[in-house]
Amino acid sequence: MKKFSSVSGTVTLIQDYSAGSDVELNGCFKLMSLLIGDGTIVNFDISPTTYFLDHVMVSIGDRVTGFYDVNVPVILIYPPQYQALIIAKDSPYQNVKVDYFDSQLVSSDGQLQLNISNYTPILLPNDQLFTLNPTNRNLLVVYGPTTMSIPAQTTPYKLIVMC
């Protein structure tokens, strides 16, 4: 099972990244460097399967959050380099969380509970409707205000089921 973690920062570099000797893959992989709050750099490998929330174009200077699977081995180099599963461009009007949500739609860290309305779009990464129950799945949740309770509760703007 995937266990997600994230890093937020300002994009300082986007460059092509060699994925091996296969010429057809040239230009398909990118290396994205983020400057995080404490002044350190974190690199993300961006592959053709990396999901960009809302399919946005990311440029140098943008603030983004990169999500990765903490169970995937990483090479021991500095700066650290993670395989990006999801990139979300930061917005003051929405929050983003990627986590496993149980049968009660509570995140695995116990910090967020979802109250899905009839108007909450539940989608697949390819923007097609997801028609089953989203419980007990890895979800990308786009949401706004939350309650002050523990866990915080919110009605999401949108759910993406990360199959």
N, C-alpha and C. Protein backbone atom coordinates (compact mmCIF):
# COMPACT_ATOMS: atom_id res chain seq x y z
N MET A 1 0.85 -1.18 0.00
CA MET A 1 0.00 0.00 0.00
C MET A 1 0.89 1.24 0.00
N LYS A 2 0.49 2.24 -0.77
CA LYS A 2 1.25 3.47 -0.84
C LYS A 2 1.02 4.29 0.43
N LYS A 3 2.09 4.89 0.92
CA LYS A 3 2.00 5.84 2.01
C LYS A 3 2.59 7.14 1.48
N PHE A 4 1.73 8.16 1.41
CA PHE A 4 2.11 9.40 0.77
C PHE A 4 2.75 10.38 1.75
N SER A 5 3.70 11.14 1.24
CA SER A 5 4.26 12.28 1.95
C SER A 5 4.39 13.38 0.91
N SER A 6 4.68 14.58 1.37
CA SER A 6 4.74 15.70 0.43
C SER A 6 5.83 16.68 0.81
N VAL A 7 6.23 17.46 -0.19
CA VAL A 7 7.18 18.55 -0.01
C VAL A 7 6.63 19.74 -0.78
N SER A 8 6.61 20.90 -0.12
CA SER A 8 6.14 22.13 -0.77
C SER A 8 7.30 23.10 -0.91
N GLY A 9 7.31 23.81 -2.03
CA GLY A 9 8.37 24.79 -2.24
C GLY A 9 8.18 25.54 -3.54
N THR A 10 9.18 26.35 -3.86
CA THR A 10 9.17 27.15 -5.07
C THR A 10 10.04 26.47 -6.12
N VAL A 11 9.50 26.34 -7.33
CA VAL A 11 10.24 25.69 -8.41
C VAL A 11 11.41 26.58 -8.82
N THR A 12 12.62 26.02 -8.78
CA THR A 12 13.82 26.77 -9.17
C THR A 12 14.44 26.25 -10.45
N LEU A 13 14.07 25.02 -10.87
CA LEU A 13 14.67 24.42 -12.05
C LEU A 13 13.75 23.35 -12.61
N ILE A 14 13.61 23.33 -13.93
CA ILE A 14 12.94 22.23 -14.63
C ILE A 14 13.82 21.91 -15.83
N GLN A 15 14.32 20.68 -15.88
CA GLN A 15 15.19 20.31 -16.99
C GLN A 15 14.94 18.88 -17.42
N ASP A 16 15.33 18.57 -18.67
CA ASP A 16 15.21 17.21 -19.15
C ASP A 16 16.09 16.29 -18.32
N TYR A 17 15.61 15.06 -18.18
CA TYR A 17 16.27 14.08 -17.33
C TYR A 17 16.36 12.79 -18.12
N SER A 18 17.56 12.25 -18.27
CA SER A 18 17.75 11.04 -19.06
C SER A 18 17.19 9.83 -18.33
N ALA A 19 16.37 9.06 -19.03
CA ALA A 19 15.76 7.87 -18.44
C ALA A 19 16.42 6.59 -18.95
N GLY A 20 17.61 6.72 -19.53
CA GLY A 20 18.29 5.55 -20.05
C GLY A 20 18.67 5.76 -21.50
N SER A 21 18.96 4.67 -22.18
CA SER A 21 19.47 4.76 -23.55
C SER A 21 18.37 4.72 -24.61
N ASP A 22 17.13 4.59 -24.22
CA ASP A 22 16.02 4.53 -25.18
C ASP A 22 15.77 5.93 -25.75
N VAL A 23 16.10 6.12 -27.03
CA VAL A 23 15.99 7.43 -27.68
C VAL A 23 14.54 7.93 -27.68
N GLU A 24 13.57 7.02 -27.78
CA GLU A 24 12.17 7.44 -27.81
C GLU A 24 11.73 8.10 -26.51
N LEU A 25 12.46 7.88 -25.41
CA LEU A 25 12.09 8.46 -24.13
C LEU A 25 12.76 9.81 -23.87
N ASN A 26 13.67 10.22 -24.76
CA ASN A 26 14.33 11.51 -24.56
C ASN A 26 13.28 12.63 -24.51
N GLY A 27 13.37 13.46 -23.50
CA GLY A 27 12.45 14.57 -23.33
C GLY A 27 11.18 14.22 -22.59
N CYS A 28 10.98 12.93 -22.28
CA CYS A 28 9.75 12.51 -21.59
C CYS A 28 9.86 12.59 -20.08
N PHE A 29 11.06 12.72 -19.55
CA PHE A 29 11.28 12.78 -18.12
C PHE A 29 11.91 14.12 -17.78
N LYS A 30 11.49 14.68 -16.66
CA LYS A 30 12.01 15.98 -16.22
C LYS A 30 12.54 15.86 -14.80
N LEU A 31 13.45 16.74 -14.44
CA LEU A 31 13.90 16.90 -13.07
C LEU A 31 13.42 18.27 -12.62
N MET A 32 12.64 18.31 -11.53
CA MET A 32 12.11 19.57 -11.00
C MET A 32 12.72 19.80 -9.62
N SER A 33 13.37 20.95 -9.45
CA SER A 33 13.96 21.30 -8.16
C SER A 33 13.08 22.29 -7.43
N LEU A 34 12.88 22.04 -6.13
CA LEU A 34 12.09 22.94 -5.29
C LEU A 34 12.97 23.51 -4.20
N LEU A 35 12.84 24.80 -3.96
CA LEU A 35 13.47 25.45 -2.81
C LEU A 35 12.42 25.49 -1.71
N ILE A 36 12.70 24.76 -0.62
CA ILE A 36 11.71 24.70 0.46
C ILE A 36 12.02 25.76 1.51
N GLY A 37 11.09 25.92 2.46
CA GLY A 37 11.12 27.02 3.42
C GLY A 37 12.40 27.19 4.20
N ASP A 38 13.10 26.10 4.51
CA ASP A 38 14.32 26.22 5.31
C ASP A 38 15.56 26.48 4.46
N GLY A 39 15.36 26.74 3.16
CA GLY A 39 16.48 27.08 2.28
C GLY A 39 17.14 25.88 1.61
N THR A 40 16.61 24.69 1.82
CA THR A 40 17.19 23.51 1.19
C THR A 40 16.48 23.20 -0.13
N ILE A 41 17.11 22.34 -0.91
CA ILE A 41 16.58 21.95 -2.21
C ILE A 41 16.11 20.51 -2.15
N VAL A 42 14.99 20.22 -2.81
CA VAL A 42 14.50 18.86 -3.00
C VAL A 42 14.22 18.69 -4.48
N ASN A 43 14.65 17.56 -5.04
CA ASN A 43 14.42 17.27 -6.46
C ASN A 43 13.32 16.23 -6.62
N PHE A 44 12.53 16.40 -7.67
CA PHE A 44 11.51 15.42 -8.03
C PHE A 44 11.76 14.94 -9.45
N ASP A 45 11.70 13.61 -9.62
CA ASP A 45 11.68 13.01 -10.96
C ASP A 45 10.25 13.09 -11.45
N ILE A 46 10.06 13.72 -12.61
CA ILE A 46 8.74 13.84 -13.22
C ILE A 46 8.71 12.90 -14.41
N SER A 47 7.79 11.95 -14.39
CA SER A 47 7.67 10.98 -15.48
C SER A 47 6.38 11.24 -16.25
N PRO A 48 6.17 10.56 -17.37
CA PRO A 48 4.91 10.73 -18.10
C PRO A 48 3.69 10.32 -17.29
N THR A 49 3.87 9.53 -16.23
CA THR A 49 2.73 9.11 -15.41
C THR A 49 2.49 10.01 -14.20
N THR A 50 3.34 11.01 -13.99
CA THR A 50 3.13 11.94 -12.88
C THR A 50 1.84 12.72 -13.14
N TYR A 51 0.95 12.73 -12.16
CA TYR A 51 -0.33 13.41 -12.30
C TYR A 51 -0.20 14.86 -11.84
N PHE A 52 -0.54 15.80 -12.71
CA PHE A 52 -0.55 17.23 -12.37
C PHE A 52 -1.99 17.62 -12.13
N LEU A 53 -2.30 18.02 -10.89
CA LEU A 53 -3.66 18.41 -10.53
C LEU A 53 -4.16 19.50 -11.47
N ASP A 54 -5.34 19.29 -12.03
CA ASP A 54 -5.98 20.20 -12.98
C ASP A 54 -5.17 20.36 -14.27
N HIS A 55 -4.21 19.47 -14.50
CA HIS A 55 -3.40 19.45 -15.72
C HIS A 55 -2.75 20.81 -15.99
N VAL A 56 -2.27 21.46 -14.92
CA VAL A 56 -1.67 22.79 -15.06
C VAL A 56 -0.25 22.69 -15.57
N MET A 57 0.20 23.76 -16.20
CA MET A 57 1.59 23.90 -16.62
C MET A 57 2.34 24.55 -15.47
N VAL A 58 3.44 23.96 -15.06
CA VAL A 58 4.24 24.49 -13.96
C VAL A 58 5.49 25.14 -14.54
N SER A 59 5.84 26.32 -14.00
CA SER A 59 7.00 27.07 -14.47
C SER A 59 7.89 27.44 -13.29
N ILE A 60 9.10 27.85 -13.61
CA ILE A 60 10.02 28.32 -12.57
C ILE A 60 9.38 29.50 -11.85
N GLY A 61 9.46 29.49 -10.53
CA GLY A 61 8.87 30.54 -9.70
C GLY A 61 7.53 30.16 -9.10
N ASP A 62 6.88 29.11 -9.65
CA ASP A 62 5.60 28.66 -9.10
C ASP A 62 5.81 27.95 -7.77
N ARG A 63 4.84 28.09 -6.87
CA ARG A 63 4.83 27.32 -5.63
C ARG A 63 4.02 26.08 -5.87
N VAL A 64 4.62 24.92 -5.56
CA VAL A 64 3.95 23.65 -5.79
C VAL A 64 4.16 22.73 -4.59
N THR A 65 3.35 21.68 -4.56
CA THR A 65 3.52 20.60 -3.59
C THR A 65 3.66 19.32 -4.39
N GLY A 66 4.72 18.58 -4.10
CA GLY A 66 4.96 17.30 -4.74
C GLY A 66 4.66 16.18 -3.77
N PHE A 67 3.92 15.19 -4.22
CA PHE A 67 3.57 14.03 -3.40
C PHE A 67 4.32 12.82 -3.92
N TYR A 68 4.82 12.00 -3.00
CA TYR A 68 5.58 10.81 -3.36
C TYR A 68 5.26 9.69 -2.38
N ASP A 69 5.62 8.47 -2.75
CA ASP A 69 5.38 7.28 -1.93
C ASP A 69 6.62 7.07 -1.06
N VAL A 70 6.44 7.15 0.26
CA VAL A 70 7.58 6.99 1.16
C VAL A 70 8.11 5.57 1.19
N ASN A 71 7.37 4.60 0.66
CA ASN A 71 7.81 3.21 0.64
C ASN A 71 8.71 2.89 -0.55
N VAL A 72 8.83 3.82 -1.50
CA VAL A 72 9.69 3.60 -2.66
C VAL A 72 11.12 3.98 -2.27
N PRO A 73 12.08 3.09 -2.53
CA PRO A 73 13.47 3.41 -2.18
C PRO A 73 13.97 4.65 -2.94
N VAL A 74 14.80 5.43 -2.27
CA VAL A 74 15.40 6.60 -2.91
C VAL A 74 16.91 6.46 -2.82
N ILE A 75 17.59 7.05 -3.81
CA ILE A 75 19.04 7.02 -3.78
C ILE A 75 19.53 8.00 -2.72
N LEU A 76 20.62 7.65 -2.07
CA LEU A 76 21.15 8.47 -0.98
C LEU A 76 22.09 9.52 -1.54
N ILE A 77 21.49 10.62 -2.00
CA ILE A 77 22.26 11.74 -2.52
C ILE A 77 21.71 13.02 -1.91
N TYR A 78 22.51 14.09 -2.06
CA TYR A 78 22.01 15.40 -1.66
C TYR A 78 22.03 16.28 -2.90
N PRO A 79 21.01 17.01 -3.19
CA PRO A 79 19.74 17.05 -2.47
C PRO A 79 18.93 15.77 -2.70
N PRO A 80 18.01 15.49 -1.79
CA PRO A 80 17.19 14.28 -1.94
C PRO A 80 16.38 14.35 -3.24
N GLN A 81 16.13 13.17 -3.81
CA GLN A 81 15.43 13.08 -5.09
C GLN A 81 14.34 12.02 -4.99
N TYR A 82 13.09 12.44 -5.18
CA TYR A 82 11.93 11.56 -5.04
C TYR A 82 11.23 11.40 -6.39
N GLN A 83 10.54 10.27 -6.55
CA GLN A 83 9.72 10.05 -7.75
C GLN A 83 8.36 10.70 -7.50
N ALA A 84 8.06 11.75 -8.24
CA ALA A 84 6.80 12.47 -8.04
C ALA A 84 5.64 11.65 -8.58
N LEU A 85 4.65 11.41 -7.73
CA LEU A 85 3.41 10.77 -8.17
C LEU A 85 2.39 11.82 -8.57
N ILE A 86 2.36 12.92 -7.79
CA ILE A 86 1.38 13.99 -8.00
C ILE A 86 2.06 15.33 -7.76
N ILE A 87 1.78 16.29 -8.61
CA ILE A 87 2.23 17.67 -8.41
C ILE A 87 0.99 18.55 -8.39
N ALA A 88 0.87 19.39 -7.37
CA ALA A 88 -0.25 20.33 -7.26
C ALA A 88 0.31 21.74 -7.14
N LYS A 89 -0.15 22.61 -8.01
CA LYS A 89 0.23 24.02 -7.94
C LYS A 89 -0.52 24.65 -6.77
N ASP A 90 0.20 25.32 -5.88
CA ASP A 90 -0.42 25.88 -4.69
C ASP A 90 -1.38 27.01 -5.04
N SER A 91 -2.48 27.08 -4.29
CA SER A 91 -3.50 28.10 -4.48
C SER A 91 -3.98 28.56 -3.11
N PRO A 92 -4.20 29.87 -2.94
CA PRO A 92 -4.70 30.34 -1.65
C PRO A 92 -6.16 29.96 -1.40
N TYR A 93 -6.85 29.46 -2.44
CA TYR A 93 -8.28 29.18 -2.33
C TYR A 93 -8.60 27.71 -2.12
N GLN A 94 -7.58 26.86 -2.13
CA GLN A 94 -7.86 25.44 -1.95
C GLN A 94 -6.69 24.74 -1.27
N ASN A 95 -7.03 23.66 -0.59
CA ASN A 95 -6.04 22.79 0.04
C ASN A 95 -6.05 21.48 -0.72
N VAL A 96 -4.94 20.77 -0.66
CA VAL A 96 -4.82 19.47 -1.33
C VAL A 96 -4.22 18.48 -0.35
N LYS A 97 -4.84 17.29 -0.28
CA LYS A 97 -4.32 16.21 0.55
C LYS A 97 -4.39 14.93 -0.27
N VAL A 98 -3.33 14.14 -0.21
CA VAL A 98 -3.31 12.83 -0.84
C VAL A 98 -3.04 11.83 0.26
N ASP A 99 -3.96 10.87 0.43
CA ASP A 99 -3.83 9.91 1.52
C ASP A 99 -4.79 8.76 1.29
N TYR A 100 -4.65 7.75 2.11
CA TYR A 100 -5.59 6.64 2.13
C TYR A 100 -6.74 7.04 3.05
N PHE A 101 -7.97 6.90 2.58
CA PHE A 101 -9.15 7.23 3.37
C PHE A 101 -9.92 5.94 3.63
N ASP A 102 -10.24 5.70 4.91
CA ASP A 102 -10.85 4.43 5.33
C ASP A 102 -12.36 4.40 5.04
N SER A 103 -13.05 3.43 5.63
CA SER A 103 -14.48 3.25 5.39
C SER A 103 -15.33 4.40 5.91
N GLN A 104 -14.78 5.19 6.84
CA GLN A 104 -15.48 6.38 7.35
C GLN A 104 -14.97 7.66 6.68
N LEU A 105 -14.15 7.49 5.64
CA LEU A 105 -13.52 8.59 4.91
C LEU A 105 -12.66 9.47 5.81
N VAL A 106 -11.93 8.81 6.73
CA VAL A 106 -10.96 9.48 7.57
C VAL A 106 -9.58 9.14 7.02
N SER A 107 -8.72 10.14 6.91
CA SER A 107 -7.38 9.94 6.38
C SER A 107 -6.56 9.04 7.31
N SER A 108 -5.53 8.42 6.76
CA SER A 108 -4.73 7.47 7.54
C SER A 108 -4.01 8.14 8.71
N ASP A 109 -3.75 9.44 8.62
CA ASP A 109 -3.13 10.15 9.75
C ASP A 109 -4.17 10.67 10.75
N GLY A 110 -5.46 10.43 10.48
CA GLY A 110 -6.52 10.83 11.40
C GLY A 110 -6.78 12.33 11.46
N GLN A 111 -6.27 13.09 10.48
CA GLN A 111 -6.38 14.54 10.54
C GLN A 111 -7.54 15.12 9.74
N LEU A 112 -8.11 14.34 8.80
CA LEU A 112 -9.15 14.89 7.94
C LEU A 112 -10.23 13.86 7.68
N GLN A 113 -11.49 14.29 7.83
CA GLN A 113 -12.63 13.45 7.50
C GLN A 113 -13.44 14.14 6.41
N LEU A 114 -13.83 13.35 5.41
CA LEU A 114 -14.56 13.89 4.27
C LEU A 114 -16.05 13.69 4.43
N ASN A 115 -16.81 14.72 4.11
CA ASN A 115 -18.27 14.66 4.06
C ASN A 115 -18.65 14.93 2.61
N ILE A 116 -18.85 13.87 1.87
CA ILE A 116 -19.10 14.00 0.43
C ILE A 116 -20.55 14.40 0.20
N SER A 117 -20.74 15.43 -0.62
CA SER A 117 -22.09 15.86 -0.96
C SER A 117 -22.48 15.25 -2.31
N ASN A 118 -23.74 15.42 -2.67
CA ASN A 118 -24.20 14.96 -3.99
C ASN A 118 -23.55 15.75 -5.13
N TYR A 119 -22.96 16.89 -4.80
CA TYR A 119 -22.36 17.76 -5.81
C TYR A 119 -20.85 17.61 -5.89
N THR A 120 -20.26 16.75 -5.07
CA THR A 120 -18.82 16.54 -5.09
C THR A 120 -18.45 15.66 -6.28
N PRO A 121 -17.69 16.19 -7.25
CA PRO A 121 -17.27 15.33 -8.35
C PRO A 121 -16.25 14.31 -7.87
N ILE A 122 -16.46 13.06 -8.22
CA ILE A 122 -15.53 11.98 -7.89
C ILE A 122 -15.02 11.44 -9.22
N LEU A 123 -13.73 11.67 -9.47
CA LEU A 123 -13.16 11.43 -10.79
C LEU A 123 -11.96 10.49 -10.73
N LEU A 124 -11.61 9.97 -11.89
CA LEU A 124 -10.35 9.26 -12.09
C LEU A 124 -9.32 10.27 -12.56
N PRO A 125 -8.03 9.93 -12.52
CA PRO A 125 -7.02 10.89 -12.99
C PRO A 125 -7.20 11.34 -14.44
N ASN A 126 -7.89 10.54 -15.26
CA ASN A 126 -8.13 10.93 -16.66
C ASN A 126 -9.41 11.76 -16.81
N ASP A 127 -9.95 12.25 -15.71
CA ASP A 127 -11.14 13.11 -15.65
C ASP A 127 -12.45 12.40 -15.99
N GLN A 128 -12.45 11.08 -15.98
CA GLN A 128 -13.69 10.33 -16.16
C GLN A 128 -14.33 10.12 -14.80
N LEU A 129 -15.66 9.95 -14.76
CA LEU A 129 -16.36 9.75 -13.50
C LEU A 129 -15.99 8.42 -12.87
N PHE A 130 -15.82 8.44 -11.56
CA PHE A 130 -15.63 7.22 -10.79
C PHE A 130 -17.00 6.90 -10.20
N THR A 131 -17.52 5.73 -10.47
CA THR A 131 -18.91 5.45 -10.14
C THR A 131 -19.09 4.56 -8.91
N LEU A 132 -18.01 4.08 -8.31
CA LEU A 132 -18.12 3.24 -7.12
C LEU A 132 -17.94 4.07 -5.86
N ASN A 133 -17.98 3.42 -4.73
CA ASN A 133 -17.78 4.07 -3.44
C ASN A 133 -16.29 4.42 -3.28
N PRO A 134 -15.96 5.66 -2.94
CA PRO A 134 -14.54 6.04 -2.82
C PRO A 134 -13.88 5.64 -1.50
N THR A 135 -14.59 4.95 -0.62
CA THR A 135 -14.00 4.57 0.66
C THR A 135 -12.92 3.51 0.47
N ASN A 136 -12.02 3.44 1.46
CA ASN A 136 -10.92 2.46 1.48
C ASN A 136 -10.06 2.56 0.22
N ARG A 137 -9.70 3.80 -0.13
CA ARG A 137 -8.89 4.04 -1.33
C ARG A 137 -7.93 5.20 -1.08
N ASN A 138 -6.92 5.26 -1.95
CA ASN A 138 -6.04 6.42 -2.00
C ASN A 138 -6.77 7.51 -2.78
N LEU A 139 -6.91 8.68 -2.15
CA LEU A 139 -7.65 9.78 -2.76
C LEU A 139 -6.80 11.04 -2.79
N LEU A 140 -6.94 11.80 -3.86
CA LEU A 140 -6.43 13.15 -3.93
C LEU A 140 -7.65 14.03 -3.65
N VAL A 141 -7.59 14.80 -2.58
CA VAL A 141 -8.73 15.59 -2.13
C VAL A 141 -8.42 17.07 -2.30
N VAL A 142 -9.29 17.77 -3.00
CA VAL A 142 -9.20 19.21 -3.15
C VAL A 142 -10.33 19.80 -2.32
N TYR A 143 -9.97 20.64 -1.34
CA TYR A 143 -10.98 21.12 -0.41
C TYR A 143 -10.66 22.54 0.05
N GLY A 144 -11.63 23.14 0.71
CA GLY A 144 -11.48 24.50 1.22
C GLY A 144 -11.50 24.51 2.74
N PRO A 145 -12.46 25.24 3.32
CA PRO A 145 -12.50 25.37 4.77
C PRO A 145 -12.78 24.02 5.46
N THR A 146 -12.29 23.91 6.68
CA THR A 146 -12.53 22.73 7.51
C THR A 146 -13.06 23.17 8.86
N THR A 147 -13.63 22.22 9.58
CA THR A 147 -14.05 22.48 10.96
C THR A 147 -12.82 22.50 11.85
N MET A 148 -12.98 22.95 13.08
CA MET A 148 -11.88 22.98 14.04
C MET A 148 -11.81 21.70 14.86
N SER A 149 -12.61 20.70 14.50
CA SER A 149 -12.65 19.45 15.26
C SER A 149 -11.44 18.56 14.94
N ILE A 150 -11.33 17.49 15.69
CA ILE A 150 -10.31 16.47 15.41
C ILE A 150 -11.05 15.17 15.18
N PRO A 151 -11.01 14.59 13.99
CA PRO A 151 -10.36 15.15 12.81
C PRO A 151 -11.14 16.32 12.23
N ALA A 152 -10.42 17.18 11.53
CA ALA A 152 -11.08 18.28 10.83
C ALA A 152 -12.00 17.69 9.78
N GLN A 153 -13.16 18.31 9.58
CA GLN A 153 -14.12 17.81 8.59
C GLN A 153 -14.29 18.84 7.49
N THR A 154 -14.50 18.32 6.30
CA THR A 154 -14.68 19.20 5.14
C THR A 154 -15.54 18.52 4.10
N THR A 155 -16.20 19.33 3.30
CA THR A 155 -16.89 18.83 2.12
C THR A 155 -15.98 19.17 0.95
N PRO A 156 -15.38 18.16 0.31
CA PRO A 156 -14.39 18.43 -0.73
C PRO A 156 -14.99 19.10 -1.96
N TYR A 157 -14.16 19.91 -2.61
CA TYR A 157 -14.53 20.48 -3.90
C TYR A 157 -14.48 19.41 -4.97
N LYS A 158 -13.51 18.48 -4.82
CA LYS A 158 -13.30 17.46 -5.84
C LYS A 158 -12.48 16.32 -5.22
N LEU A 159 -12.78 15.09 -5.66
CA LEU A 159 -12.00 13.91 -5.28
C LEU A 159 -11.45 13.26 -6.55
N ILE A 160 -10.18 12.89 -6.49
CA ILE A 160 -9.58 12.11 -7.57
C ILE A 160 -9.20 10.77 -6.95
N VAL A 161 -9.74 9.69 -7.48
CA VAL A 161 -9.42 8.36 -6.98
C VAL A 161 -8.15 7.89 -7.66
N MET A 162 -7.11 7.67 -6.87
CA MET A 162 -5.81 7.27 -7.40
C MET A 162 -5.73 5.75 -7.47
N CYS A 163 -6.28 5.19 -8.54
CA CYS A 163 -6.34 3.73 -8.71
C CYS A 163 -4.93 3.15 -8.81
